[in-house]
Amino acid sequence: MTTIQIDEVIKKLEQVLEKQLTREEVSEWAYERMADLEWMEEKEGRSLTKKELAVFRCLTTVCGMDLQNSPDEYFHVDDDFRDWIKAFQEVERSFKARG
């Protein structure tokens, strides 16, 4: 199984900001990818790598993007998604710097 990369998570957030995907679609996608990583860890009988754990943490954040305060108001706003993108890019840069 191919492990998801942080840039894929960032791309999904950008697609929400560009109204190409809904929050709900990306939240469900993130949940499914988290399950894939958990399944991979269990099936292969190994711990996730540091990079896989970083991706997992990004996914747990994105998984909650569709939470609502009320039926017509989301807990997270577009500025949150932009902040997440910046944070995820920094995580990605740190792994690239390590080589």
PDB file of N, CA and C in Angstrom:
ATOM      1  N   MET A   1       0.850  -1.189   0.000  1.00  0.00           N
ATOM      2  CA  MET A   1       0.000   0.000   0.000  1.00  0.00           C
ATOM      3  C   MET A   1       0.890   1.244   0.000  1.00  0.00           C
ATOM      4  N   THR A   2       0.566   2.183  -0.843  1.00  0.00           N
ATOM      5  CA  THR A   2       1.313   3.428  -0.921  1.00  0.00           C
ATOM      6  C   THR A   2       0.833   4.373   0.175  1.00  0.00           C
ATOM      7  N   THR A   3       1.788   4.929   0.887  1.00  0.00           N
ATOM      8  CA  THR A   3       1.452   5.856   1.959  1.00  0.00           C
ATOM      9  C   THR A   3       1.131   7.229   1.388  1.00  0.00           C
ATOM     10  N   ILE A   4       0.111   7.825   1.919  1.00  0.00           N
ATOM     11  CA  ILE A   4      -0.279   9.178   1.509  1.00  0.00           C
ATOM     12  C   ILE A   4       0.808  10.168   1.933  1.00  0.00           C
ATOM     13  N   GLN A   5       0.949  11.228   1.177  1.00  0.00           N
ATOM     14  CA  GLN A   5       1.941  12.259   1.463  1.00  0.00           C
ATOM     15  C   GLN A   5       1.241  13.535   1.961  1.00  0.00           C
ATOM     16  N   ILE A   6       1.985  14.352   2.678  1.00  0.00           N
ATOM     17  CA  ILE A   6       1.429  15.592   3.219  1.00  0.00           C
ATOM     18  C   ILE A   6       0.943  16.511   2.107  1.00  0.00           C
ATOM     19  N   ASP A   7       1.646  16.530   0.979  1.00  0.00           N
ATOM     20  CA  ASP A   7       1.212  17.415  -0.104  1.00  0.00           C
ATOM     21  C   ASP A   7      -0.165  17.027  -0.640  1.00  0.00           C
ATOM     22  N   GLU A   8      -0.549  15.759  -0.515  1.00  0.00           N
ATOM     23  CA  GLU A   8      -1.891  15.333  -0.915  1.00  0.00           C
ATOM     24  C   GLU A   8      -2.952  15.911   0.027  1.00  0.00           C
ATOM     25  N   VAL A   9      -2.619  15.966   1.304  1.00  0.00           N
ATOM     26  CA  VAL A   9      -3.536  16.546   2.297  1.00  0.00           C
ATOM     27  C   VAL A   9      -3.700  18.038   2.009  1.00  0.00           C
ATOM     28  N   ILE A  10      -2.592  18.702   1.735  1.00  0.00           N
ATOM     29  CA  ILE A  10      -2.622  20.133   1.405  1.00  0.00           C
ATOM     30  C   ILE A  10      -3.483  20.377   0.171  1.00  0.00           C
ATOM     31  N   LYS A  11      -3.326  19.546  -0.838  1.00  0.00           N
ATOM     32  CA  LYS A  11      -4.102  19.694  -2.074  1.00  0.00           C
ATOM     33  C   LYS A  11      -5.602  19.600  -1.795  1.00  0.00           C
ATOM     34  N   LYS A  12      -5.996  18.691  -0.937  1.00  0.00           N
ATOM     35  CA  LYS A  12      -7.418  18.549  -0.589  1.00  0.00           C
ATOM     36  C   LYS A  12      -7.934  19.818   0.090  1.00  0.00           C
ATOM     37  N   LEU A  13      -7.144  20.388   0.983  1.00  0.00           N
ATOM     38  CA  LEU A  13      -7.553  21.631   1.644  1.00  0.00           C
ATOM     39  C   LEU A  13      -7.693  22.758   0.631  1.00  0.00           C
ATOM     40  N   GLU A  14      -6.754  22.832  -0.294  1.00  0.00           N
ATOM     41  CA  GLU A  14      -6.836  23.858  -1.343  1.00  0.00           C
ATOM     42  C   GLU A  14      -8.093  23.674  -2.192  1.00  0.00           C
ATOM     43  N   GLN A  15      -8.459  22.430  -2.450  1.00  0.00           N
ATOM     44  CA  GLN A  15      -9.666  22.165  -3.239  1.00  0.00           C
ATOM     45  C   GLN A  15     -10.929  22.599  -2.497  1.00  0.00           C
ATOM     46  N   VAL A  16     -10.918  22.500  -1.183  1.00  0.00           N
ATOM     47  CA  VAL A  16     -12.060  23.003  -0.407  1.00  0.00           C
ATOM     48  C   VAL A  16     -12.116  24.523  -0.511  1.00  0.00           C
ATOM     49  N   LEU A  17     -10.973  25.169  -0.349  1.00  0.00           N
ATOM     50  CA  LEU A  17     -10.935  26.628  -0.441  1.00  0.00           C
ATOM     51  C   LEU A  17     -11.364  27.121  -1.821  1.00  0.00           C
ATOM     52  N   GLU A  18     -11.065  26.334  -2.851  1.00  0.00           N
ATOM     53  CA  GLU A  18     -11.433  26.695  -4.227  1.00  0.00           C
ATOM     54  C   GLU A  18     -12.841  26.210  -4.589  1.00  0.00           C
ATOM     55  N   LYS A  19     -13.550  25.641  -3.613  1.00  0.00           N
ATOM     56  CA  LYS A  19     -14.930  25.145  -3.801  1.00  0.00           C
ATOM     57  C   LYS A  19     -15.021  24.003  -4.815  1.00  0.00           C
ATOM     58  N   GLN A  20     -13.918  23.256  -4.978  1.00  0.00           N
ATOM     59  CA  GLN A  20     -13.922  22.096  -5.864  1.00  0.00           C
ATOM     60  C   GLN A  20     -14.394  20.841  -5.142  1.00  0.00           C
ATOM     61  N   LEU A  21     -14.191  20.809  -3.825  1.00  0.00           N
ATOM     62  CA  LEU A  21     -14.647  19.721  -2.973  1.00  0.00           C
ATOM     63  C   LEU A  21     -15.334  20.318  -1.752  1.00  0.00           C
ATOM     64  N   THR A  22     -16.221  19.544  -1.144  1.00  0.00           N
ATOM     65  CA  THR A  22     -16.876  20.005   0.086  1.00  0.00           C
ATOM     66  C   THR A  22     -16.063  19.601   1.304  1.00  0.00           C
ATOM     67  N   ARG A  23     -16.345  20.252   2.400  1.00  0.00           N
ATOM     68  CA  ARG A  23     -15.712  19.892   3.671  1.00  0.00           C
ATOM     69  C   ARG A  23     -15.996  18.427   4.006  1.00  0.00           C
ATOM     70  N   GLU A  24     -17.248  18.049   3.779  1.00  0.00           N
ATOM     71  CA  GLU A  24     -17.662  16.699   4.119  1.00  0.00           C
ATOM     72  C   GLU A  24     -16.914  15.650   3.293  1.00  0.00           C
ATOM     73  N   GLU A  25     -16.718  15.943   2.012  1.00  0.00           N
ATOM     74  CA  GLU A  25     -15.973  15.015   1.153  1.00  0.00           C
ATOM     75  C   GLU A  25     -14.535  14.848   1.641  1.00  0.00           C
ATOM     76  N   VAL A  26     -13.911  15.935   1.993  1.00  0.00           N
ATOM     77  CA  VAL A  26     -12.513  15.874   2.418  1.00  0.00           C
ATOM     78  C   VAL A  26     -12.392  15.280   3.821  1.00  0.00           C
ATOM     79  N   SER A  27     -13.332  15.565   4.679  1.00  0.00           N
ATOM     80  CA  SER A  27     -13.333  14.957   6.009  1.00  0.00           C
ATOM     81  C   SER A  27     -13.441  13.438   5.898  1.00  0.00           C
ATOM     82  N   GLU A  28     -14.341  12.974   5.065  1.00  0.00           N
ATOM     83  CA  GLU A  28     -14.510  11.530   4.854  1.00  0.00           C
ATOM     84  C   GLU A  28     -13.250  10.923   4.230  1.00  0.00           C
ATOM     85  N   TRP A  29     -12.663  11.614   3.258  1.00  0.00           N
ATOM     86  CA  TRP A  29     -11.416  11.166   2.634  1.00  0.00           C
ATOM     87  C   TRP A  29     -10.322  11.031   3.696  1.00  0.00           C
ATOM     88  N   ALA A  30     -10.195  12.029   4.569  1.00  0.00           N
ATOM     89  CA  ALA A  30      -9.167  12.003   5.619  1.00  0.00           C
ATOM     90  C   ALA A  30      -9.399  10.827   6.565  1.00  0.00           C
ATOM     91  N   TYR A  31     -10.648  10.607   6.935  1.00  0.00           N
ATOM     92  CA  TYR A  31     -10.973   9.488   7.818  1.00  0.00           C
ATOM     93  C   TYR A  31     -10.572   8.155   7.179  1.00  0.00           C
ATOM     94  N   GLU A  32     -10.878   8.008   5.896  1.00  0.00           N
ATOM     95  CA  GLU A  32     -10.523   6.772   5.192  1.00  0.00           C
ATOM     96  C   GLU A  32      -9.015   6.579   5.115  1.00  0.00           C
ATOM     97  N   ARG A  33      -8.269   7.653   4.879  1.00  0.00           N
ATOM     98  CA  ARG A  33      -6.809   7.547   4.827  1.00  0.00           C
ATOM     99  C   ARG A  33      -6.241   7.204   6.211  1.00  0.00           C
ATOM    100  N   MET A  34      -6.832   7.753   7.266  1.00  0.00           N
ATOM    101  CA  MET A  34      -6.392   7.412   8.620  1.00  0.00           C
ATOM    102  C   MET A  34      -6.598   5.917   8.864  1.00  0.00           C
ATOM    103  N   ALA A  35      -7.755   5.410   8.467  1.00  0.00           N
ATOM    104  CA  ALA A  35      -8.043   3.981   8.618  1.00  0.00           C
ATOM    105  C   ALA A  35      -7.051   3.143   7.820  1.00  0.00           C
ATOM    106  N   ASP A  36      -6.690   3.603   6.618  1.00  0.00           N
ATOM    107  CA  ASP A  36      -5.700   2.896   5.802  1.00  0.00           C
ATOM    108  C   ASP A  36      -4.360   2.798   6.532  1.00  0.00           C
ATOM    109  N   LEU A  37      -3.937   3.902   7.133  1.00  0.00           N
ATOM    110  CA  LEU A  37      -2.665   3.893   7.864  1.00  0.00           C
ATOM    111  C   LEU A  37      -2.733   2.963   9.074  1.00  0.00           C
ATOM    112  N   GLU A  38      -3.825   2.999   9.787  1.00  0.00           N
ATOM    113  CA  GLU A  38      -3.981   2.108  10.940  1.00  0.00           C
ATOM    114  C   GLU A  38      -3.984   0.653  10.501  1.00  0.00           C
ATOM    115  N   TRP A  39      -4.680   0.361   9.396  1.00  0.00           N
ATOM    116  CA  TRP A  39      -4.739  -0.998   8.878  1.00  0.00           C
ATOM    117  C   TRP A  39      -3.354  -1.456   8.434  1.00  0.00           C
ATOM    118  N   MET A  40      -2.630  -0.568   7.756  1.00  0.00           N
ATOM    119  CA  MET A  40      -1.290  -0.890   7.291  1.00  0.00           C
ATOM    120  C   MET A  40      -0.376  -1.217   8.477  1.00  0.00           C
ATOM    121  N   GLU A  41      -0.478  -0.424   9.512  1.00  0.00           N
ATOM    122  CA  GLU A  41       0.345  -0.645  10.704  1.00  0.00           C
ATOM    123  C   GLU A  41       0.035  -2.011  11.312  1.00  0.00           C
ATOM    124  N   GLU A  42      -1.245  -2.332  11.411  1.00  0.00           N
ATOM    125  CA  GLU A  42      -1.641  -3.601  12.003  1.00  0.00           C
ATOM    126  C   GLU A  42      -1.251  -4.779  11.111  1.00  0.00           C
ATOM    127  N   LYS A  43      -1.533  -4.667   9.804  1.00  0.00           N
ATOM    128  CA  LYS A  43      -1.256  -5.764   8.878  1.00  0.00           C
ATOM    129  C   LYS A  43       0.233  -6.047   8.772  1.00  0.00           C
ATOM    130  N   GLU A  44       1.023  -4.985   8.711  1.00  0.00           N
ATOM    131  CA  GLU A  44       2.469  -5.154   8.552  1.00  0.00           C
ATOM    132  C   GLU A  44       3.177  -5.397   9.880  1.00  0.00           C
ATOM    133  N   GLY A  45       2.448  -5.252  10.978  1.00  0.00           N
ATOM    134  CA  GLY A  45       3.032  -5.525  12.287  1.00  0.00           C
ATOM    135  C   GLY A  45       4.200  -4.627  12.634  1.00  0.00           C
ATOM    136  N   ARG A  46       4.076  -3.365  12.274  1.00  0.00           N
ATOM    137  CA  ARG A  46       5.153  -2.416  12.557  1.00  0.00           C
ATOM    138  C   ARG A  46       4.551  -1.084  12.973  1.00  0.00           C
ATOM    139  N   SER A  47       5.366  -0.290  13.589  1.00  0.00           N
ATOM    140  CA  SER A  47       4.935   1.067  13.931  1.00  0.00           C
ATOM    141  C   SER A  47       5.047   1.949  12.702  1.00  0.00           C
ATOM    142  N   LEU A  48       4.241   2.985  12.663  1.00  0.00           N
ATOM    143  CA  LEU A  48       4.338   3.945  11.574  1.00  0.00           C
ATOM    144  C   LEU A  48       5.653   4.703  11.682  1.00  0.00           C
ATOM    145  N   THR A  49       6.189   5.089  10.541  1.00  0.00           N
ATOM    146  CA  THR A  49       7.403   5.900  10.530  1.00  0.00           C
ATOM    147  C   THR A  49       7.076   7.303  11.044  1.00  0.00           C
ATOM    148  N   LYS A  50       8.095   8.090  11.295  1.00  0.00           N
ATOM    149  CA  LYS A  50       7.865   9.466  11.739  1.00  0.00           C
ATOM    150  C   LYS A  50       7.078  10.261  10.701  1.00  0.00           C
ATOM    151  N   LYS A  51       7.394  10.045   9.437  1.00  0.00           N
ATOM    152  CA  LYS A  51       6.675  10.757   8.386  1.00  0.00           C
ATOM    153  C   LYS A  51       5.222  10.287   8.304  1.00  0.00           C
ATOM    154  N   GLU A  52       4.987   8.999   8.421  1.00  0.00           N
ATOM    155  CA  GLU A  52       3.622   8.476   8.412  1.00  0.00           C
ATOM    156  C   GLU A  52       2.828   9.013   9.605  1.00  0.00           C
ATOM    157  N   LEU A  53       3.481   9.113  10.756  1.00  0.00           N
ATOM    158  CA  LEU A  53       2.812   9.689  11.933  1.00  0.00           C
ATOM    159  C   LEU A  53       2.472  11.156  11.708  1.00  0.00           C
ATOM    160  N   ALA A  54       3.364  11.878  11.048  1.00  0.00           N
ATOM    161  CA  ALA A  54       3.098  13.292  10.743  1.00  0.00           C
ATOM    162  C   ALA A  54       1.893  13.411   9.814  1.00  0.00           C
ATOM    163  N   VAL A  55       1.829  12.551   8.816  1.00  0.00           N
ATOM    164  CA  VAL A  55       0.684  12.546   7.901  1.00  0.00           C
ATOM    165  C   VAL A  55      -0.585  12.216   8.684  1.00  0.00           C
ATOM    166  N   PHE A  56      -0.500  11.223   9.569  1.00  0.00           N
ATOM    167  CA  PHE A  56      -1.651  10.833  10.372  1.00  0.00           C
ATOM    168  C   PHE A  56      -2.164  12.014  11.199  1.00  0.00           C
ATOM    169  N   ARG A  57      -1.255  12.765  11.791  1.00  0.00           N
ATOM    170  CA  ARG A  57      -1.657  13.945  12.581  1.00  0.00           C
ATOM    171  C   ARG A  57      -2.341  14.993  11.702  1.00  0.00           C
ATOM    172  N   CYS A  58      -1.812  15.193  10.503  1.00  0.00           N
ATOM    173  CA  CYS A  58      -2.457  16.127   9.570  1.00  0.00           C
ATOM    174  C   CYS A  58      -3.865  15.647   9.243  1.00  0.00           C
ATOM    175  N   LEU A  59      -4.004  14.367   9.004  1.00  0.00           N
ATOM    176  CA  LEU A  59      -5.312  13.805   8.679  1.00  0.00           C
ATOM    177  C   LEU A  59      -6.300  13.944   9.839  1.00  0.00           C
ATOM    178  N   THR A  60      -5.825  13.784  11.073  1.00  0.00           N
ATOM    179  CA  THR A  60      -6.742  13.924  12.212  1.00  0.00           C
ATOM    180  C   THR A  60      -7.272  15.349  12.303  1.00  0.00           C
ATOM    181  N   THR A  61      -6.445  16.308  11.944  1.00  0.00           N
ATOM    182  CA  THR A  61      -6.891  17.702  11.917  1.00  0.00           C
ATOM    183  C   THR A  61      -7.956  17.893  10.844  1.00  0.00           C
ATOM    184  N   VAL A  62      -7.650  17.431   9.640  1.00  0.00           N
ATOM    185  CA  VAL A  62      -8.549  17.611   8.502  1.00  0.00           C
ATOM    186  C   VAL A  62      -9.862  16.848   8.702  1.00  0.00           C
ATOM    187  N   CYS A  63      -9.792  15.747   9.382  1.00  0.00           N
ATOM    188  CA  CYS A  63     -10.983  14.928   9.613  1.00  0.00           C
ATOM    189  C   CYS A  63     -12.079  15.717  10.336  1.00  0.00           C
ATOM    190  N   GLY A  64     -11.693  16.705  11.126  1.00  0.00           N
ATOM    191  CA  GLY A  64     -12.663  17.504  11.873  1.00  0.00           C
ATOM    192  C   GLY A  64     -13.121  18.767  11.173  1.00  0.00           C
ATOM    193  N   MET A  65     -12.778  18.922   9.904  1.00  0.00           N
ATOM    194  CA  MET A  65     -13.099  20.173   9.216  1.00  0.00           C
ATOM    195  C   MET A  65     -14.585  20.376   8.990  1.00  0.00           C
ATOM    196  N   ASP A  66     -15.376  19.325   9.118  1.00  0.00           N
ATOM    197  CA  ASP A  66     -16.815  19.464   8.878  1.00  0.00           C
ATOM    198  C   ASP A  66     -17.633  19.579  10.172  1.00  0.00           C
ATOM    199  N   LEU A  67     -16.956  19.741  11.303  1.00  0.00           N
ATOM    200  CA  LEU A  67     -17.664  19.918  12.573  1.00  0.00           C
ATOM    201  C   LEU A  67     -18.455  21.220  12.555  1.00  0.00           C
ATOM    202  N   GLN A  68     -19.623  21.177  13.152  1.00  0.00           N
ATOM    203  CA  GLN A  68     -20.490  22.351  13.136  1.00  0.00           C
ATOM    204  C   GLN A  68     -20.815  22.826  14.548  1.00  0.00           C
ATOM    205  N   ASN A  69     -20.914  24.157  14.694  1.00  0.00           N
ATOM    206  CA  ASN A  69     -21.380  24.776  15.933  1.00  0.00           C
ATOM    207  C   ASN A  69     -22.895  24.699  16.022  1.00  0.00           C
ATOM    208  N   SER A  70     -23.515  24.798  14.861  1.00  0.00           N
ATOM    209  CA  SER A  70     -24.969  24.767  14.745  1.00  0.00           C
ATOM    210  C   SER A  70     -25.289  24.221  13.350  1.00  0.00           C
ATOM    211  N   PRO A  71     -26.552  23.972  13.063  1.00  0.00           N
ATOM    212  CA  PRO A  71     -26.881  23.416  11.742  1.00  0.00           C
ATOM    213  C   PRO A  71     -26.432  24.275  10.554  1.00  0.00           C
ATOM    214  N   ASP A  72     -26.213  25.563  10.777  1.00  0.00           N
ATOM    215  CA  ASP A  72     -25.826  26.421   9.653  1.00  0.00           C
ATOM    216  C   ASP A  72     -24.491  27.131   9.864  1.00  0.00           C
ATOM    217  N   GLU A  73     -23.689  26.654  10.819  1.00  0.00           N
ATOM    218  CA  GLU A  73     -22.399  27.297  11.089  1.00  0.00           C
ATOM    219  C   GLU A  73     -21.331  26.242  11.387  1.00  0.00           C
ATOM    220  N   TYR A  74     -20.223  26.335  10.648  1.00  0.00           N
ATOM    221  CA  TYR A  74     -19.108  25.427  10.866  1.00  0.00           C
ATOM    222  C   TYR A  74     -18.188  25.946  11.966  1.00  0.00           C
ATOM    223  N   PHE A  75     -17.574  25.022  12.681  1.00  0.00           N
ATOM    224  CA  PHE A  75     -16.623  25.366  13.729  1.00  0.00           C
ATOM    225  C   PHE A  75     -15.360  25.988  13.123  1.00  0.00           C
ATOM    226  N   HIS A  76     -14.887  25.413  12.021  1.00  0.00           N
ATOM    227  CA  HIS A  76     -13.674  25.902  11.365  1.00  0.00           C
ATOM    228  C   HIS A  76     -14.043  26.753  10.152  1.00  0.00           C
ATOM    229  N   VAL A  77     -13.296  27.822   9.980  1.00  0.00           N
ATOM    230  CA  VAL A  77     -13.522  28.739   8.854  1.00  0.00           C
ATOM    231  C   VAL A  77     -12.357  28.618   7.868  1.00  0.00           C
ATOM    232  N   ASP A  78     -12.506  29.277   6.714  1.00  0.00           N
ATOM    233  CA  ASP A  78     -11.469  29.191   5.679  1.00  0.00           C
ATOM    234  C   ASP A  78     -10.090  29.607   6.175  1.00  0.00           C
ATOM    235  N   ASP A  79     -10.039  30.597   7.053  1.00  0.00           N
ATOM    236  CA  ASP A  79      -8.738  31.014   7.592  1.00  0.00           C
ATOM    237  C   ASP A  79      -8.071  29.881   8.370  1.00  0.00           C
ATOM    238  N   ASP A  80      -8.855  29.040   9.026  1.00  0.00           N
ATOM    239  CA  ASP A  80      -8.288  27.873   9.705  1.00  0.00           C
ATOM    240  C   ASP A  80      -7.621  26.954   8.693  1.00  0.00           C
ATOM    241  N   PHE A  81      -8.293  26.739   7.559  1.00  0.00           N
ATOM    242  CA  PHE A  81      -7.739  25.865   6.532  1.00  0.00           C
ATOM    243  C   PHE A  81      -6.437  26.430   5.977  1.00  0.00           C
ATOM    244  N   ARG A  82      -6.397  27.742   5.811  1.00  0.00           N
ATOM    245  CA  ARG A  82      -5.157  28.380   5.339  1.00  0.00           C
ATOM    246  C   ARG A  82      -4.038  28.204   6.367  1.00  0.00           C
ATOM    247  N   ASP A  83      -4.374  28.323   7.642  1.00  0.00           N
ATOM    248  CA  ASP A  83      -3.387  28.101   8.701  1.00  0.00           C
ATOM    249  C   ASP A  83      -2.901  26.650   8.701  1.00  0.00           C
ATOM    250  N   TRP A  84      -3.821  25.727   8.494  1.00  0.00           N
ATOM    251  CA  TRP A  84      -3.439  24.318   8.435  1.00  0.00           C
ATOM    252  C   TRP A  84      -2.491  24.077   7.266  1.00  0.00           C
ATOM    253  N   ILE A  85      -2.794  24.667   6.124  1.00  0.00           N
ATOM    254  CA  ILE A  85      -1.924  24.510   4.956  1.00  0.00           C
ATOM    255  C   ILE A  85      -0.518  24.987   5.288  1.00  0.00           C
ATOM    256  N   LYS A  86      -0.409  26.148   5.907  1.00  0.00           N
ATOM    257  CA  LYS A  86       0.918  26.681   6.275  1.00  0.00           C
ATOM    258  C   LYS A  86       1.634  25.736   7.237  1.00  0.00           C
ATOM    259  N   ALA A  87       0.910  25.252   8.225  1.00  0.00           N
ATOM    260  CA  ALA A  87       1.508  24.344   9.215  1.00  0.00           C
ATOM    261  C   ALA A  87       1.950  23.038   8.562  1.00  0.00           C
ATOM    262  N   PHE A  88       1.108  22.490   7.680  1.00  0.00           N
ATOM    263  CA  PHE A  88       1.440  21.239   7.009  1.00  0.00           C
ATOM    264  C   PHE A  88       2.625  21.426   6.064  1.00  0.00           C
ATOM    265  N   GLN A  89       2.691  22.578   5.400  1.00  0.00           N
ATOM    266  CA  GLN A  89       3.829  22.871   4.524  1.00  0.00           C
ATOM    267  C   GLN A  89       5.119  22.918   5.334  1.00  0.00           C
ATOM    268  N   GLU A  90       5.048  23.469   6.530  1.00  0.00           N
ATOM    269  CA  GLU A  90       6.230  23.531   7.393  1.00  0.00           C
ATOM    270  C   GLU A  90       6.667  22.130   7.807  1.00  0.00           C
ATOM    271  N   VAL A  91       5.722  21.277   8.130  1.00  0.00           N
ATOM    272  CA  VAL A  91       6.044  19.886   8.466  1.00  0.00           C
ATOM    273  C   VAL A  91       6.697  19.208   7.266  1.00  0.00           C
ATOM    274  N   GLU A  92       6.130  19.409   6.101  1.00  0.00           N
ATOM    275  CA  GLU A  92       6.669  18.812   4.879  1.00  0.00           C
ATOM    276  C   GLU A  92       8.094  19.320   4.617  1.00  0.00           C
ATOM    277  N   ARG A  93       8.307  20.613   4.787  1.00  0.00           N
ATOM    278  CA  ARG A  93       9.655  21.184   4.598  1.00  0.00           C
ATOM    279  C   ARG A  93      10.665  20.574   5.567  1.00  0.00           C
ATOM    280  N   SER A  94      10.231  20.347   6.787  1.00  0.00           N
ATOM    281  CA  SER A  94      11.149  19.779   7.777  1.00  0.00           C
ATOM    282  C   SER A  94      11.597  18.382   7.383  1.00  0.00           C
ATOM    283  N   PHE A  95      10.707  17.607   6.774  1.00  0.00           N
ATOM    284  CA  PHE A  95      11.097  16.277   6.323  1.00  0.00           C
ATOM    285  C   PHE A  95      12.003  16.348   5.098  1.00  0.00           C
ATOM    286  N   LYS A  96      11.745  17.278   4.204  1.00  0.00           N
ATOM    287  CA  LYS A  96      12.605  17.438   3.026  1.00  0.00           C
ATOM    288  C   LYS A  96      13.999  17.896   3.420  1.00  0.00           C
ATOM    289  N   ALA A  97      14.080  18.745   4.448  1.00  0.00           N
ATOM    290  CA  ALA A  97      15.386  19.238   4.908  1.00  0.00           C
ATOM    291  C   ALA A  97      16.227  18.118   5.508  1.00  0.00           C
ATOM    292  N   ARG A  98      15.556  17.128   6.072  1.00  0.00           N
ATOM    293  CA  ARG A  98      16.283  15.995   6.665  1.00  0.00           C
ATOM    294  C   ARG A  98      16.836  15.067   5.601  1.00  0.00           C
ATOM    295  N   GLY A  99      16.268  15.194   4.397  1.00  0.00           N
ATOM    296  CA  GLY A  99      16.764  14.388   3.284  1.00  0.00           C
ATOM    297  C   GLY A  99      16.114  13.096   3.220  1.00  0.00           C
TER     298      GLY A  99
END
